[in-house]
């Protein structure tokens, strides 16, 4: 069995963060492992507390994983401090990590900035150049590119700039009232659109975590980047189409919509 590691924060409500990553990796047929950057007290209505891991403990987590069960791919999600980002970059370099997918969790759904300026700088200087692909949404792509994005042409210009500046592929995700559910993959000077159909489901908690983890899972299994993105988009469409409805806010998706077997039934 292929393996994948998520380095991200915990979501106590299970819809995003490492919980969504582990569910996604399991549903996509790889063995999931995790290094937790922070504990969060959150649910579908918001975050009420954050308890960050120390750099020393995060380093121990990553060491424990790479020295025993070496991951075939690595997904990086929420990392809120420059110190933790530095630890991740150092350890991934030391162990020669491959198929690194960075989901730059920089902006909350409300529009609030989640990273301090020094953390944004560390992310761009240390992690993005190591990534096989980075998966920003529109607000995050605006921060990374320094550009305002209002249409498809803006997505292309921003993705091109980010890719050239940090020497990685960029999957600029649509949504945010731009281009419906179409995503743009830019790499090696060329762009490719992945068309999607918007699904009328208000419960979208954890979509970014889920997409990036699905991409990492497919890279771990040996699919190329184009196929990994295509399969990840199909998976997340299935999660949304299942129309799970839990919680009082923007609820989680059904990550296990395709799970069948004697232990799944009522």
Protein backbone atom coordinates (compact mmCIF):
# COMPACT_ATOMS: atom_id res chain seq x y z
CA UNK A 1 0.00 0.00 0.00
CA UNK A 2 1.20 3.50 -0.85
CA UNK A 3 1.49 6.04 1.97
CA UNK A 4 0.84 9.76 2.42
CA UNK A 5 1.58 12.23 5.20
CA UNK A 6 -0.48 15.27 6.12
CA UNK A 7 1.25 18.08 8.01
CA UNK A 8 -1.58 20.33 9.15
CA UNK A 9 -3.82 21.47 11.98
CA UNK A 10 -6.48 19.39 13.71
CA UNK A 11 -10.17 20.23 13.26
CA UNK A 12 -12.11 19.00 16.28
CA UNK A 13 -15.34 18.85 14.26
CA UNK A 14 -13.75 16.50 11.73
CA UNK A 15 -14.63 18.35 8.53
CA UNK A 16 -11.31 19.97 7.67
CA UNK A 17 -7.65 19.77 8.69
CA UNK A 18 -5.97 16.47 9.38
CA UNK A 19 -9.28 14.73 9.96
CA UNK A 20 -10.45 15.57 6.44
CA UNK A 21 -6.99 14.69 5.10
CA UNK A 22 -6.95 11.25 6.74
CA UNK A 23 -10.49 10.46 5.54
CA UNK A 24 -9.60 11.60 2.02
CA UNK A 25 -6.36 9.63 1.87
CA UNK A 26 -8.11 6.52 3.18
CA UNK A 27 -10.96 6.88 0.68
CA UNK A 28 -8.39 7.28 -2.10
CA UNK A 29 -6.62 4.06 -1.21
CA UNK A 30 -3.43 5.17 0.55
CA UNK A 31 -2.25 4.74 4.13
CA UNK A 32 -2.56 8.08 5.93
CA UNK A 33 -0.20 9.52 8.55
CA UNK A 34 -0.19 12.91 10.26
CA UNK A 35 2.07 15.47 11.90
CA UNK A 36 -0.10 17.97 13.76
CA UNK A 37 0.93 21.63 13.64
CA UNK A 38 -1.85 22.89 15.90
CA UNK A 39 -4.94 21.79 17.79
CA UNK A 40 -8.02 23.86 17.07
CA UNK A 41 -11.32 24.06 18.91
CA UNK A 42 -13.71 24.54 16.02
CA UNK A 43 -16.95 23.43 14.46
CA UNK A 44 -19.03 24.32 11.43
CA UNK A 45 -19.69 27.82 12.78
CA UNK A 46 -16.11 28.92 13.49
CA UNK A 47 -12.86 28.58 15.42
CA UNK A 48 -12.86 29.31 19.16
CA UNK A 49 -9.31 28.32 20.09
CA UNK A 50 -5.89 27.37 18.71
CA UNK A 51 -3.11 25.54 20.58
CA UNK A 52 0.03 25.46 18.45
CA UNK A 53 2.60 22.65 18.55
CA UNK A 54 6.12 23.62 19.54
CA UNK A 55 8.80 23.49 16.83
CA UNK A 56 10.59 20.78 18.82
CA UNK A 57 7.53 18.55 19.02
CA UNK A 58 6.64 19.00 15.34
CA UNK A 59 10.20 17.99 14.46
CA UNK A 60 9.79 14.84 16.58
CA UNK A 61 6.52 13.99 14.82
CA UNK A 62 8.09 14.29 11.38
CA UNK A 63 11.19 12.33 12.44
CA UNK A 64 8.99 9.53 13.80
CA UNK A 65 7.19 9.20 10.49
CA UNK A 66 10.08 9.41 8.03
CA UNK A 67 12.34 7.04 10.00
CA UNK A 68 9.71 4.30 10.08
CA UNK A 69 7.01 4.50 7.38
CA UNK A 70 8.38 6.69 4.58
CA UNK A 71 5.57 8.63 2.89
CA UNK A 72 5.12 8.45 -0.89
CA UNK A 73 3.58 11.95 -0.85
CA UNK A 74 3.26 14.84 1.58
CA UNK A 75 0.40 17.32 1.91
CA UNK A 76 1.02 20.52 3.90
CA UNK A 77 -1.96 22.48 5.18
CA UNK A 78 -2.36 24.99 8.01
CA UNK A 79 0.95 26.14 9.48
CA UNK A 80 0.56 29.41 11.33
CA UNK A 81 4.10 30.40 12.33
CA UNK A 82 7.43 30.99 10.61
CA UNK A 83 9.17 28.75 13.15
CA UNK A 84 7.00 25.75 12.33
CA UNK A 85 7.36 26.36 8.61
CA UNK A 86 11.13 26.39 9.05
CA UNK A 87 11.04 23.03 10.85
CA UNK A 88 8.90 21.46 8.10
CA UNK A 89 11.14 22.73 5.31
CA UNK A 90 14.30 21.54 7.08
CA UNK A 91 12.92 18.07 7.78
CA UNK A 92 11.46 17.54 4.30
CA UNK A 93 14.80 18.55 2.79
CA UNK A 94 16.73 16.26 5.15
CA UNK A 95 14.58 13.24 4.30
CA UNK A 96 14.30 13.99 0.58
CA UNK A 97 10.51 14.10 0.66
CA UNK A 98 8.77 13.69 -2.69
CA UNK A 99 5.43 14.70 -4.19
CA UNK A 100 4.91 17.67 -1.88
CA UNK A 101 1.51 19.36 -2.18
CA UNK A 102 1.15 22.72 -0.41
CA UNK A 103 -2.32 24.03 0.38
CA UNK A 104 -1.49 27.60 1.48
CA UNK A 105 -4.14 28.10 4.17
CA UNK A 106 -3.78 31.87 4.39
CA UNK A 107 -7.27 33.34 4.34
CA UNK A 108 -10.39 32.29 6.24
CA UNK A 109 -13.74 31.94 4.50
CA UNK A 110 -14.71 35.21 6.19
CA UNK A 111 -11.80 36.93 4.45
CA UNK A 112 -9.67 37.20 7.59
CA UNK A 113 -5.95 36.72 7.12
CA UNK A 114 -4.77 33.61 9.00
CA UNK A 115 -1.00 33.99 8.71
CA UNK A 116 1.26 36.63 10.19
CA UNK A 117 3.45 38.47 7.70
CA UNK A 118 6.59 36.60 8.81
CA UNK A 119 4.79 33.29 8.30
CA UNK A 120 3.71 34.29 4.78
CA UNK A 121 7.32 35.15 3.96
CA UNK A 122 8.57 31.84 5.36
CA UNK A 123 5.92 29.94 3.41
CA UNK A 124 6.89 31.55 0.12
CA UNK A 125 10.63 31.38 0.68
CA UNK A 126 10.93 27.90 2.18
CA UNK A 127 7.96 25.71 1.28
CA UNK A 128 6.68 26.81 -2.12
CA UNK A 129 10.00 26.16 -3.91
CA UNK A 130 9.89 22.59 -2.53
CA UNK A 131 6.35 21.93 -3.75
CA UNK A 132 5.37 19.85 -6.74
CA UNK A 133 2.14 21.82 -6.75
CA UNK A 134 0.61 24.60 -4.65
CA UNK A 135 -3.20 24.89 -4.48
CA UNK A 136 -4.31 28.45 -3.65
CA UNK A 137 -7.90 29.66 -3.80
CA UNK A 138 -8.59 33.10 -5.30
CA UNK A 139 -7.83 35.18 -2.15
CA UNK A 140 -4.64 33.18 -1.53
CA UNK A 141 -3.54 33.52 -5.14
CA UNK A 142 -4.05 37.27 -4.81
CA UNK A 143 -1.72 37.37 -1.78
CA UNK A 144 0.92 35.17 -3.43
CA UNK A 145 0.87 37.11 -6.71
CA UNK A 146 0.16 40.61 -5.40
CA UNK A 147 -2.56 40.85 -8.07
CA UNK A 148 -6.31 41.40 -7.96
CA UNK A 149 -8.17 38.52 -9.64
CA UNK A 150 -11.59 39.21 -11.12
CA UNK A 151 -11.82 36.83 -14.09
CA UNK A 152 -10.25 33.86 -15.89
CA UNK A 153 -7.54 36.00 -17.43
CA UNK A 154 -6.60 37.21 -13.96
CA UNK A 155 -6.36 33.62 -12.73
CA UNK A 156 -4.02 32.81 -15.60
CA UNK A 157 -1.81 35.83 -14.99
CA UNK A 158 -1.58 35.17 -11.24
CA UNK A 159 -0.89 31.44 -11.66
CA UNK A 160 1.82 32.17 -14.22
CA UNK A 161 3.49 34.68 -11.92
CA UNK A 162 3.37 32.37 -8.88
CA UNK A 163 4.69 29.41 -10.88
CA UNK A 164 7.58 31.37 -12.34
CA UNK A 165 8.48 33.07 -9.07
CA UNK A 166 8.51 29.95 -6.89
CA UNK A 167 9.36 27.31 -9.53
CA UNK A 168 6.40 25.05 -8.81
CA UNK A 169 3.17 24.06 -10.47
CA UNK A 170 0.10 26.06 -9.39
CA UNK A 171 -3.49 24.87 -9.22
CA UNK A 172 -5.47 28.10 -8.95
CA UNK A 173 -8.90 27.08 -7.70
CA UNK A 174 -12.03 28.74 -9.08
CA UNK A 175 -15.07 29.53 -7.01
CA UNK A 176 -15.37 32.78 -5.05
CA UNK A 177 -17.82 33.82 -7.79
CA UNK A 178 -15.12 33.47 -10.45
CA UNK A 179 -15.33 30.79 -13.15
CA UNK A 180 -17.78 28.63 -11.24
CA UNK A 181 -15.93 25.43 -10.29
CA UNK A 182 -13.21 25.58 -12.96
CA UNK A 183 -9.61 25.24 -11.77
CA UNK A 184 -6.44 26.24 -13.62
CA UNK A 185 -3.23 24.21 -13.49
CA UNK A 186 -0.17 26.21 -14.54
CA UNK A 187 3.24 24.60 -14.94
CA UNK A 188 6.25 24.78 -17.23
CA UNK A 189 4.90 27.95 -18.84
CA UNK A 190 1.55 26.45 -19.85
CA UNK A 191 -1.94 26.50 -18.40
CA UNK A 192 -4.61 23.80 -18.46
CA UNK A 193 -8.20 24.30 -17.37
CA UNK A 194 -10.03 21.59 -15.44
CA UNK A 195 -13.71 22.20 -15.88
CA UNK A 196 -16.09 21.51 -13.04
CA UNK A 197 -19.78 21.79 -12.32
CA UNK A 198 -20.85 23.79 -9.30
CA UNK A 199 -22.88 21.63 -6.95
CA UNK A 200 -25.64 23.42 -5.03
CA UNK A 201 -24.47 22.30 -1.59
CA UNK A 202 -23.87 24.97 1.09
CA UNK A 203 -21.86 22.51 3.19
CA UNK A 204 -18.33 23.03 1.88
CA UNK A 205 -16.27 22.94 5.08
CA UNK A 206 -12.87 21.45 4.27
CA UNK A 207 -13.01 21.48 0.48
CA UNK A 208 -9.49 22.90 0.16
CA UNK A 209 -8.02 20.35 2.56
CA UNK A 210 -9.84 17.56 0.78
CA UNK A 211 -8.78 18.53 -2.74
CA UNK A 212 -5.09 18.88 -1.86
CA UNK A 213 -5.10 15.58 0.04
CA UNK A 214 -6.76 13.80 -2.87
CA UNK A 215 -4.10 15.18 -5.22
CA UNK A 216 -1.34 13.99 -2.87
CA UNK A 217 -2.98 10.55 -2.62
CA UNK A 218 -3.02 10.13 -6.37
CA UNK A 219 0.56 11.35 -6.75
CA UNK A 220 1.52 8.76 -4.11
CA UNK A 221 -0.13 6.06 -6.21
CA UNK A 222 1.92 7.03 -9.26
CA UNK A 223 -0.50 9.14 -11.27
CA UNK A 224 0.97 12.18 -12.99
CA UNK A 225 -0.09 15.66 -11.88
CA UNK A 226 -2.77 16.14 -14.55
CA UNK A 227 -4.42 12.81 -13.74
CA UNK A 228 -4.09 13.45 -10.01
CA UNK A 229 -5.93 16.78 -10.32
CA UNK A 230 -8.62 15.24 -12.54
CA UNK A 231 -9.22 12.37 -10.11
CA UNK A 232 -9.19 14.71 -7.10
CA UNK A 233 -11.83 16.96 -8.67
CA UNK A 234 -14.02 13.94 -9.44
CA UNK A 235 -13.65 12.74 -5.84
CA UNK A 236 -14.58 16.09 -4.30
CA UNK A 237 -17.60 16.32 -6.62
CA UNK A 238 -18.74 12.97 -5.22
CA UNK A 239 -18.22 14.20 -1.64
CA UNK A 240 -20.36 17.28 -2.30
CA UNK A 241 -23.02 15.44 -4.31
CA UNK A 242 -23.68 13.10 -1.37
CA UNK A 243 -25.37 16.11 0.32
CA UNK A 244 -24.35 15.36 3.88
CA UNK A 245 -25.96 17.89 6.22
CA UNK A 246 -24.45 18.17 9.70
CA UNK A 247 -23.95 21.09 12.07
CA UNK A 248 -25.38 24.59 12.33
CA UNK A 249 -22.96 26.30 9.92
CA UNK A 250 -21.14 25.34 6.72
CA UNK A 251 -21.01 21.62 7.34
CA UNK A 252 -18.60 18.87 6.31
CA UNK A 253 -18.74 16.78 3.17
CA UNK A 254 -19.24 13.02 3.01
CA UNK A 255 -15.65 11.87 2.46
CA UNK A 256 -16.67 8.23 2.54
CA UNK A 257 -19.51 8.47 0.01
CA UNK A 258 -18.04 5.63 -2.07
CA UNK A 259 -17.25 3.35 0.87
CA UNK A 260 -19.09 0.05 0.60
CA UNK A 261 -18.90 -3.12 2.66
CA UNK A 262 -20.45 -5.13 5.47
CA UNK A 263 -19.21 -2.77 8.19
CA UNK A 264 -20.61 0.41 6.60
CA UNK A 265 -24.34 -0.29 6.66
CA UNK A 266 -26.72 0.81 9.37
